[in-house]
Amino acid sequence: MTLVNIIQRIKATRIVTPSQERQINQLLWQTAVGTPEYEAMQELTMGIITGQIRVLSQIERFGSPRDLETDPVELA
């Protein structure tokens, strides 16, 4: 599976699972990143920042998505 494919799946479900986090990490270390991969990562990052995409490990750590909306996690 390619980085772009994983990010397309994430955009469809609007949730990043721990497994997908690991896959993305491995692919970023193992493969060259071209324009399509870079653009997909930008979309993923913006989706997470705007709250359109949720990161499951963060939900499990800090509470439900509803809790995150009322008490957002601040970026350092």
Protein backbone atom coordinates (compact mmCIF):
# COMPACT_ATOMS: atom_id res chain seq x y z
CA MET A 1 0.00 0.00 0.00
CA THR A 2 1.26 3.45 -0.86
CA LEU A 3 1.30 6.56 1.31
CA VAL A 4 -1.30 8.20 -0.91
CA ASN A 5 -3.60 5.15 -0.63
CA ILE A 6 -3.38 5.14 3.17
CA ILE A 7 -4.19 8.84 3.33
CA GLN A 8 -7.15 8.38 0.94
CA ARG A 9 -8.52 5.72 3.30
CA ILE A 10 -8.02 8.02 6.27
CA LYS A 11 -9.85 10.86 4.50
CA ALA A 12 -12.74 8.50 3.75
CA THR A 13 -13.11 7.37 7.38
CA ARG A 14 -11.91 10.64 8.98
CA ILE A 15 -10.03 8.58 11.60
CA VAL A 16 -6.32 7.74 11.81
CA THR A 17 -5.74 4.38 13.51
CA PRO A 18 -2.53 3.43 15.33
CA SER A 19 -1.87 0.89 12.56
CA GLN A 20 -2.12 3.60 9.91
CA GLU A 21 0.19 5.83 11.96
CA ARG A 22 2.80 3.05 11.94
CA GLN A 23 2.36 2.44 8.20
CA ILE A 24 2.79 6.14 7.42
CA ASN A 25 5.89 6.31 9.60
CA GLN A 26 7.44 3.29 7.91
CA LEU A 27 6.67 4.56 4.42
CA LEU A 28 8.09 8.00 5.18
CA TRP A 29 11.36 6.40 6.30
CA GLN A 30 11.53 3.78 3.54
CA THR A 31 10.42 5.57 0.39
CA ALA A 32 11.17 8.76 -1.45
CA VAL A 33 8.50 11.41 -1.06
CA GLY A 34 7.40 13.03 -4.29
CA THR A 35 4.81 15.67 -5.05
CA PRO A 36 1.73 13.38 -4.71
CA GLU A 37 2.92 12.09 -1.33
CA TYR A 38 3.83 15.58 -0.13
CA GLU A 39 0.41 16.94 -1.14
CA ALA A 40 -1.38 14.01 0.52
CA MET A 41 0.57 14.59 3.74
CA GLN A 42 -0.37 18.30 3.62
CA GLU A 43 -4.05 17.36 3.28
CA LEU A 44 -3.77 14.90 6.16
CA THR A 45 -2.02 17.43 8.38
CA MET A 46 -4.59 20.14 7.64
CA GLY A 47 -7.43 17.69 8.26
CA ILE A 48 -5.99 16.86 11.68
CA ILE A 49 -5.35 20.51 12.55
CA THR A 50 -8.87 21.58 11.55
CA GLY A 51 -10.48 18.65 13.35
CA GLN A 52 -11.91 17.08 10.21
CA ILE A 53 -9.71 14.03 10.80
CA ARG A 54 -9.34 12.51 14.26
CA VAL A 55 -6.35 10.54 15.51
CA LEU A 56 -7.60 7.46 17.36
CA SER A 57 -4.60 7.22 19.69
CA GLN A 58 -5.27 10.82 20.80
CA ILE A 59 -8.97 10.13 21.33
CA GLU A 60 -8.09 7.09 23.45
CA ARG A 61 -5.57 9.13 25.42
CA PHE A 62 -7.51 12.37 25.90
CA GLY A 63 -11.16 11.35 25.60
CA SER A 64 -13.95 11.12 23.07
CA PRO A 65 -14.06 13.34 19.99
CA ARG A 66 -16.78 15.37 21.72
CA ASP A 67 -14.47 15.92 24.71
CA LEU A 68 -11.72 17.06 22.36
CA GLU A 69 -14.01 19.67 20.83
CA THR A 70 -14.83 21.23 24.21
CA ASP A 71 -11.32 20.84 25.62
CA PRO A 72 -8.89 20.92 22.66
CA VAL A 73 -5.33 19.69 22.98
CA GLU A 74 -2.93 22.57 22.47
CA LEU A 75 0.01 22.10 20.15
CA ALA A 76 3.37 22.86 21.72
